[in-house]
Structures are given as C-alpha cells and as structure tokens.
Amino acid sequence: VRASRRASGDNDAYLKNCLTPYAMGHNLHVGIFNSVYAGQHGSAVEFAQRQITAADEGAEVGVVDVSEPQSAVSPYSSALALVNLRFGQWAEAVEAASHSGPCGQRCQAIPAFRKNTADFAAHHAVKQMVLGFANEAAGRSSDEQSAIVGPPPLDAPARSLGSMRDNPDRRAQMALVAAKYELAARRAYTRGDLAYTLAALRNLSRLLDAQPYMEPEMWYYDPRTCLGFVLLTHGEHGAPDPAAALEAYTAALSRRPRTPWALIGAAQAYAALNHSGAAANPYGLQFQAAAKDADVKITSSCPQYALAAPLV
C-alpha cells in the first residue's frame, strides 16, 4: 500500500506538469487491490475516488491515460462501488453505484469517456450489480438490476480472453460476464437455491483461472472466498460443510497467500473441523498477522453475503 501511495503521488506530479502519456489509472487500480487485500478500506476508497476525479482533471490539461479499459481513470469508474461492496459498506456502495464523477466539456469530448464504449457498458453493468446486491441484502427485489445486467452464459465458458495487445477490451468483457454470474449467484442465495449459487461462483472462478497473469487481477476479489462462505454456513445441500469450505479457502490462498479475507474463512472452517480446540489454529495465527494493518474489523470472508444492508 505504501508503494502504491508513492506511485499515486508521482502520478499527481506527472498530471500537474501536463506530461503525457501516463498510466495513472493502472497505478491507482493496483493501489485499490493492494488496499483491499490488506483490509484497508480507507486507502482503497482514496485510490478509487482518485480514479474517478483524475479523468476530468487530466482532460482539462490534455493528458492521456494509456491504462487499459477498466483500469484507466474514468468518471464512470465502478471501482469505488466495488470497494464498498467488498467491505460490506452498503450505504457507501449504493451512493457510489448511483453516481458518476465530474466530466466537463473537454472530458466529454474524449472518445474513451463516451457512453458508447465497452468500458462504459462494463462500469454501468457492474454498478447495477452492486445495487442489486444491496437490494438483496436489504430484503428487496433486484429484478430491475438483474434485467439490466442480464443472465450468465449457459455454457459456462472457461476460455482466455487474450492479452491486452490481442484484446484491448478484455477487462471490460470480463466485468460484464462476472457481473452476470455474481448477481445471479446472489439472487439464488436469497431464494435458497444454494446449488445454483455455488455453481455460478465455481463457473466464475474457472473463467478467471483461464485468464493470463495480470496485475491487478481481472475481478475485484476471488469468488472462492464467497464460495467458501456459502459452503461453511450452508453447505451444498443445506448442511454446513467446513471441509469443502476449507478446500475453497486454501485454493484462494494458493493464488493470493496471506490475504485476510481467505484466512479468516479458513480459520473459521478449521475451527469447525477441530472442535476440541486443543491445537492452535494455524489459519487464525496467519490471519492475525495479515490483518495487523487493517482499518476495519474483518469477521467474514464474504461481507457481500454475510452482512445485511439497512434500507438505503
């Protein structure tokens, strides 16, 4: 997170001196991921807000962000809404998903910021997904958002979307598909269709696994942390399955070691499997170390499902 803050400061100096091209959005996107994985909500919000406001500022002085779509600065960025969703900050998530950032005449004239781009379509769909999650968590209907986002693919594709050179819109395409899987899974969870929820989260995980390595990752979190939560609390068929949950969490940890979100779930699953409590919980010890710099109390691997939303 400290390195991302330094990069953000360098970006602002670059912008102040009207230097172009630059990759401010990418650096901010990395900062968002580093902050989320460290459990630092405040830092993640700062980076995400800057990803929104820097678009208009850059347009005013004529600088160009060469970051790829979904990472680039944008007045329509969905990153802030996703940050608050990940932390279960429902009011903030709804506020971010309901608004765009400033975009004056020069900003609106930039082709990348027009509303007919794949990038805009993806940000809009993800924001609708966030609103749908908030409605589900508050006990309200998300039918309107579901109709906008659309259903996930029937054939559960697990293919690579290619490199940035081959497919500049790959992140936007992934965001569109991921939003479909995520909202469909959350709606199924509300109605008690656990099999569908788990299948959708597994399909999304397989699709993400098929993508080439990149920083930051394609999607805002590892769906296995919510897969593990559902298995731990409800299981595949209505009975909690901590063994299967621990398998999901360890799979997440194999891809992103020391993330507190997977570690808290693994610690809870391990505790459920070892009722005697005679041995120290290895995941619990790792979680304490991983969360030492967090600015929020992490109690669940999946706040998107675990935390109820007030009527916001």
Protein backbone atom coordinates (compact mmCIF):
# COMPACT_ATOMS: atom_id res chain seq x y z
CA VAL A 1 0.00 0.00 0.00
CA ARG A 2 2.87 2.37 0.79
CA ALA A 3 4.39 1.73 -2.64
CA SER A 4 1.02 2.44 -4.25
CA ARG A 5 0.79 5.72 -2.36
CA ARG A 6 4.20 6.73 -3.69
CA ALA A 7 3.12 5.83 -7.22
CA SER A 8 -0.08 7.85 -6.77
CA GLY A 9 1.96 10.87 -5.66
CA ASP A 10 4.20 10.52 -8.71
CA ASN A 11 1.09 10.31 -10.89
CA ASP A 12 -0.28 13.54 -9.47
CA ALA A 13 3.06 15.28 -10.09
CA TYR A 14 3.01 13.98 -13.66
CA LEU A 15 -0.52 15.33 -14.12
CA LYS A 16 0.37 18.69 -12.56
CA ASN A 17 3.17 19.12 -15.09
CA CYS A 18 0.89 18.20 -18.02
CA LEU A 19 3.06 15.22 -19.04
CA THR A 20 1.57 12.64 -21.38
CA PRO A 21 1.06 9.76 -21.89
CA TYR A 22 0.85 8.25 -18.43
CA ALA A 23 -0.68 5.21 -16.73
CA MET A 24 -2.31 6.77 -13.69
CA GLY A 25 -5.34 4.51 -13.77
CA HIS A 26 -3.28 1.33 -13.68
CA ASN A 27 -1.29 2.54 -10.68
CA LEU A 28 -4.47 3.54 -8.87
CA HIS A 29 -6.08 0.20 -9.72
CA VAL A 30 -3.10 -1.65 -8.23
CA GLY A 31 -3.41 0.57 -5.15
CA ILE A 32 -7.07 -0.37 -4.80
CA PHE A 33 -6.26 -4.08 -4.91
CA ASN A 34 -3.34 -3.79 -2.50
CA SER A 35 -5.53 -1.88 -0.05
CA VAL A 36 -8.47 -4.27 -0.28
CA TYR A 37 -6.22 -7.29 0.22
CA ALA A 38 -4.69 -5.58 3.26
CA GLY A 39 -8.12 -4.85 4.73
CA GLN A 40 -7.54 -1.10 4.45
CA HIS A 41 -10.88 0.35 3.48
CA GLY A 42 -9.82 3.97 3.81
CA SER A 43 -6.87 3.64 1.44
CA ALA A 44 -8.91 1.67 -1.07
CA VAL A 45 -11.56 4.41 -1.08
CA GLU A 46 -8.91 7.10 -1.63
CA PHE A 47 -7.43 5.30 -4.63
CA ALA A 48 -10.87 4.57 -6.09
CA GLN A 49 -12.05 8.16 -5.69
CA ARG A 50 -8.91 9.41 -7.39
CA GLN A 51 -9.53 7.03 -10.28
CA ILE A 52 -12.81 8.88 -10.82
CA THR A 53 -11.77 12.50 -10.28
CA ALA A 54 -8.48 12.33 -12.22
CA ALA A 55 -10.35 11.82 -15.50
CA ASP A 56 -11.76 15.34 -15.66
CA GLU A 57 -8.56 16.90 -14.31
CA GLY A 58 -6.50 15.15 -16.95
CA ALA A 59 -8.88 16.18 -19.70
CA GLU A 60 -8.56 19.83 -18.70
CA VAL A 61 -4.79 19.79 -19.30
CA GLY A 62 -4.88 17.38 -22.23
CA VAL A 63 -3.06 14.39 -20.74
CA VAL A 64 -3.93 10.86 -21.80
CA ASP A 65 -4.13 7.79 -19.57
CA VAL A 66 -2.77 4.81 -21.50
CA SER A 67 -4.02 2.25 -18.96
CA GLU A 68 -6.32 -0.44 -20.35
CA PRO A 69 -10.11 -0.09 -20.01
CA GLN A 70 -11.47 -0.84 -16.50
CA SER A 71 -8.08 0.22 -15.09
CA ALA A 72 -7.92 3.65 -16.74
CA VAL A 73 -9.19 6.73 -14.92
CA SER A 74 -12.83 7.30 -15.77
CA PRO A 75 -15.65 9.49 -14.47
CA TYR A 76 -17.82 6.38 -14.71
CA SER A 77 -15.49 4.04 -12.81
CA SER A 78 -17.23 1.34 -10.77
CA ALA A 79 -14.17 0.76 -8.58
CA LEU A 80 -15.45 2.81 -5.63
CA ALA A 81 -18.75 0.93 -5.61
CA LEU A 82 -16.87 -2.39 -5.68
CA VAL A 83 -14.56 -1.37 -2.83
CA ASN A 84 -17.52 -0.57 -0.60
CA LEU A 85 -19.33 -3.73 -1.64
CA ARG A 86 -16.32 -5.85 -0.70
CA PHE A 87 -16.23 -4.33 2.75
CA GLY A 88 -20.00 -4.53 3.21
CA GLN A 89 -20.32 -0.75 3.42
CA TRP A 90 -23.79 -0.68 1.95
CA ALA A 91 -24.73 3.00 2.08
CA GLU A 92 -21.40 3.99 0.55
CA ALA A 93 -21.69 1.26 -2.09
CA VAL A 94 -25.15 2.45 -3.15
CA GLU A 95 -24.01 6.07 -3.25
CA ALA A 96 -21.02 5.22 -5.44
CA ALA A 97 -23.06 2.97 -7.73
CA SER A 98 -25.69 5.67 -8.20
CA HIS A 99 -23.42 8.49 -9.34
CA SER A 100 -20.62 9.35 -11.74
CA GLY A 101 -17.71 11.70 -11.30
CA PRO A 102 -17.18 15.14 -12.85
CA CYS A 103 -16.74 15.27 -16.61
CA GLY A 104 -16.73 18.71 -18.26
CA GLN A 105 -16.79 19.56 -21.95
CA ARG A 106 -13.19 18.56 -22.62
CA CYS A 107 -13.71 15.33 -20.71
CA GLN A 108 -16.88 14.53 -22.65
CA ALA A 109 -15.05 15.10 -25.93
CA ILE A 110 -12.52 12.35 -25.19
CA PRO A 111 -13.54 9.17 -27.07
CA ALA A 112 -12.65 6.92 -24.13
CA PHE A 113 -15.19 8.73 -21.93
CA ARG A 114 -18.14 8.47 -24.29
CA LYS A 115 -21.10 6.34 -23.32
CA ASN A 116 -20.91 4.08 -26.38
CA THR A 117 -17.72 2.32 -25.30
CA ALA A 118 -17.26 -1.19 -23.93
CA ASP A 119 -15.63 0.38 -20.88
CA PHE A 120 -18.71 2.47 -20.05
CA ALA A 121 -21.03 -0.51 -20.60
CA ALA A 122 -18.98 -2.60 -18.19
CA HIS A 123 -18.82 0.09 -15.49
CA HIS A 124 -22.59 0.61 -15.80
CA ALA A 125 -23.34 -3.11 -15.54
CA VAL A 126 -21.08 -3.52 -12.50
CA LYS A 127 -22.75 -0.60 -10.75
CA GLN A 128 -26.13 -2.19 -11.41
CA MET A 129 -24.77 -5.42 -9.95
CA VAL A 130 -23.74 -3.54 -6.80
CA LEU A 131 -27.20 -2.01 -6.49
CA GLY A 132 -28.68 -5.47 -6.95
CA PHE A 133 -26.51 -6.85 -4.14
CA ALA A 134 -27.61 -4.02 -1.86
CA ASN A 135 -31.26 -4.69 -2.61
CA GLU A 136 -30.86 -8.41 -1.94
CA ALA A 137 -29.04 -7.73 1.32
CA ALA A 138 -31.84 -5.36 2.38
CA GLY A 139 -34.58 -7.87 1.58
CA ARG A 140 -35.75 -6.03 -1.51
CA SER A 141 -36.14 -7.09 -5.11
CA SER A 142 -33.23 -6.81 -7.51
CA ASP A 143 -35.35 -7.65 -10.56
CA GLU A 144 -34.68 -4.27 -12.15
CA GLN A 145 -30.91 -4.62 -11.84
CA SER A 146 -31.00 -8.25 -12.97
CA ALA A 147 -32.86 -7.27 -16.13
CA ILE A 148 -30.17 -4.69 -16.92
CA VAL A 149 -27.19 -6.92 -16.14
CA GLY A 150 -28.62 -9.99 -17.83
CA PRO A 151 -28.22 -13.73 -17.17
CA PRO A 152 -24.86 -15.53 -17.11
CA PRO A 153 -23.76 -17.75 -20.02
CA LEU A 154 -25.48 -21.12 -20.24
CA ASP A 155 -22.38 -22.94 -21.42
CA ALA A 156 -20.10 -21.78 -18.54
CA PRO A 157 -17.15 -20.86 -20.79
CA ALA A 158 -13.68 -21.15 -19.27
CA ARG A 159 -11.53 -19.66 -22.00
CA SER A 160 -8.91 -16.96 -22.07
CA LEU A 161 -9.96 -13.53 -23.26
CA GLY A 162 -6.43 -12.97 -24.53
CA SER A 163 -3.72 -10.43 -23.89
CA MET A 164 -4.18 -6.68 -23.86
CA ARG A 165 -2.48 -6.48 -27.25
CA ASP A 166 -4.84 -9.06 -28.75
CA ASN A 167 -7.96 -7.82 -26.99
CA PRO A 168 -7.88 -4.29 -25.50
CA ASP A 169 -11.43 -4.72 -24.15
CA ARG A 170 -10.72 -7.94 -22.24
CA ARG A 171 -11.22 -6.39 -18.80
CA ALA A 172 -14.50 -4.82 -19.87
CA GLN A 173 -15.68 -8.12 -21.32
CA MET A 174 -14.74 -9.96 -18.13
CA ALA A 175 -16.52 -7.40 -15.97
CA LEU A 176 -19.73 -7.83 -17.96
CA VAL A 177 -19.66 -11.63 -17.62
CA ALA A 178 -18.59 -11.55 -13.98
CA ALA A 179 -21.40 -9.15 -13.06
CA LYS A 180 -23.89 -11.58 -14.59
CA TYR A 181 -22.54 -14.54 -12.61
CA GLU A 182 -22.28 -12.56 -9.39
CA LEU A 183 -25.76 -11.07 -9.35
CA ALA A 184 -27.36 -14.35 -10.44
CA ALA A 185 -25.50 -16.15 -7.64
CA ARG A 186 -26.55 -13.59 -5.01
CA ARG A 187 -30.19 -13.71 -6.08
CA ALA A 188 -30.16 -17.50 -5.92
CA TYR A 189 -28.67 -17.31 -2.42
CA THR A 190 -31.56 -15.16 -1.26
CA ARG A 191 -34.14 -17.61 -2.54
CA GLY A 192 -32.29 -20.57 -1.02
CA ASP A 193 -31.05 -22.10 -4.27
CA LEU A 194 -27.61 -22.96 -2.91
CA ALA A 195 -26.77 -25.32 -5.75
CA TYR A 196 -27.15 -22.51 -8.28
CA THR A 197 -25.17 -20.07 -6.13
CA LEU A 198 -22.27 -22.48 -5.78
CA ALA A 199 -22.34 -23.44 -9.46
CA ALA A 200 -22.25 -19.79 -10.55
CA LEU A 201 -19.36 -18.96 -8.22
CA ARG A 202 -17.43 -22.02 -9.41
CA ASN A 203 -18.04 -21.17 -13.05
CA LEU A 204 -16.82 -17.62 -12.49
CA SER A 205 -13.73 -18.93 -10.67
CA ARG A 206 -12.90 -21.25 -13.55
CA LEU A 207 -13.30 -18.42 -16.05
CA LEU A 208 -10.99 -16.19 -14.03
CA ASP A 209 -8.44 -19.01 -13.72
CA ALA A 210 -8.34 -19.29 -17.53
CA GLN A 211 -7.05 -15.74 -17.93
CA PRO A 212 -3.36 -14.90 -18.35
CA TYR A 213 -1.48 -13.48 -15.37
CA MET A 214 -2.01 -9.77 -14.94
CA GLU A 215 -1.80 -7.09 -12.27
CA PRO A 216 -4.18 -6.29 -10.86
CA GLU A 217 -6.41 -9.31 -11.27
CA MET A 218 -9.36 -9.34 -13.67
CA TRP A 219 -12.06 -9.19 -10.99
CA TYR A 220 -12.30 -7.20 -7.78
CA TYR A 221 -11.96 -10.22 -5.46
CA ASP A 222 -11.55 -14.00 -5.53
CA PRO A 223 -15.05 -15.58 -5.74
CA ARG A 224 -13.72 -18.58 -3.81
CA THR A 225 -13.92 -16.54 -0.63
CA CYS A 226 -17.70 -16.29 -1.09
CA LEU A 227 -17.86 -19.89 -2.30
CA GLY A 228 -16.20 -20.90 0.96
CA PHE A 229 -18.60 -18.76 2.98
CA VAL A 230 -21.66 -20.44 1.45
CA LEU A 231 -20.17 -23.90 1.99
CA LEU A 232 -19.21 -23.09 5.57
CA THR A 233 -22.57 -21.64 6.55
CA HIS A 234 -24.97 -23.72 4.45
CA GLY A 235 -23.10 -26.41 2.52
CA GLU A 236 -24.03 -27.80 -0.84
CA HIS A 237 -27.37 -29.24 0.26
CA GLY A 238 -28.32 -27.27 3.35
CA ALA A 239 -25.88 -28.71 5.90
CA PRO A 240 -22.68 -26.76 6.67
CA ASP A 241 -19.61 -28.34 5.08
CA PRO A 242 -16.46 -26.91 6.68
CA ALA A 243 -14.21 -29.42 4.89
CA ALA A 244 -15.37 -28.26 1.47
CA ALA A 245 -15.18 -24.65 2.65
CA LEU A 246 -11.58 -25.10 3.79
CA GLU A 247 -10.74 -26.54 0.37
CA ALA A 248 -12.17 -23.42 -1.30
CA TYR A 249 -10.26 -21.12 1.03
CA THR A 250 -6.95 -22.93 0.57
CA ALA A 251 -7.46 -22.69 -3.21
CA ALA A 252 -7.86 -18.94 -2.81
CA LEU A 253 -4.75 -18.78 -0.63
CA SER A 254 -2.74 -20.67 -3.22
CA ARG A 255 -3.40 -17.79 -5.61
CA ARG A 256 -3.10 -14.92 -3.15
CA PRO A 257 -1.23 -16.02 0.02
CA ARG A 258 -1.75 -14.09 3.24
CA THR A 259 -4.95 -12.38 2.18
CA PRO A 260 -7.00 -11.80 5.35
CA TRP A 261 -10.29 -12.48 3.53
CA ALA A 262 -9.38 -16.08 2.73
CA LEU A 263 -7.53 -16.55 6.02
CA ILE A 264 -10.49 -15.57 8.21
CA GLY A 265 -12.66 -18.06 6.34
CA ALA A 266 -10.01 -20.78 6.55
CA ALA A 267 -9.64 -20.13 10.28
CA GLN A 268 -13.40 -20.44 10.79
CA ALA A 269 -13.56 -23.63 8.72
CA TYR A 270 -10.58 -25.13 10.55
CA ALA A 271 -12.17 -24.32 13.90
CA ALA A 272 -15.40 -26.01 12.81
CA LEU A 273 -13.44 -29.14 11.90
CA ASN A 274 -11.44 -29.17 15.13
CA HIS A 275 -13.98 -28.78 17.90
CA SER A 276 -11.60 -29.73 20.70
CA GLY A 277 -9.52 -26.59 20.26
CA ALA A 278 -6.51 -28.49 21.57
CA ALA A 279 -4.21 -27.28 18.80
CA ALA A 280 -3.58 -23.71 17.79
CA ASN A 281 -5.44 -22.67 14.68
CA PRO A 282 -2.73 -22.08 12.03
CA TYR A 283 -5.01 -20.02 9.86
CA GLY A 284 -6.05 -17.91 12.81
CA LEU A 285 -2.44 -17.05 13.56
CA GLN A 286 -1.81 -16.15 9.91
CA PHE A 287 -4.96 -14.04 9.84
CA GLN A 288 -3.80 -12.00 12.84
CA ALA A 289 -0.54 -11.25 11.04
CA ALA A 290 -2.20 -10.48 7.71
CA ALA A 291 -4.81 -8.17 9.25
CA LYS A 292 -2.47 -6.23 11.51
CA ASP A 293 -2.67 -3.12 9.32
CA ALA A 294 -6.39 -3.38 8.52
CA ASP A 295 -8.51 -0.36 9.40
CA VAL A 296 -11.72 -2.38 9.71
CA LYS A 297 -12.61 -5.48 11.69
CA ILE A 298 -12.79 -8.40 9.27
CA THR A 299 -15.24 -11.01 10.55
CA SER A 300 -16.26 -12.74 7.34
CA SER A 301 -14.63 -13.84 4.11
CA CYS A 302 -17.67 -12.59 2.20
CA PRO A 303 -19.35 -9.45 3.57
CA GLN A 304 -21.30 -9.26 0.30
CA TYR A 305 -23.35 -12.23 1.54
CA ALA A 306 -22.79 -12.16 5.29
CA LEU A 307 -23.81 -8.61 6.15
CA ALA A 308 -27.39 -7.41 5.96
CA ALA A 309 -27.95 -4.00 4.43
CA PRO A 310 -30.13 -1.33 6.00
CA LEU A 311 -32.81 0.09 3.77
CA VAL A 312 -30.63 2.59 1.96
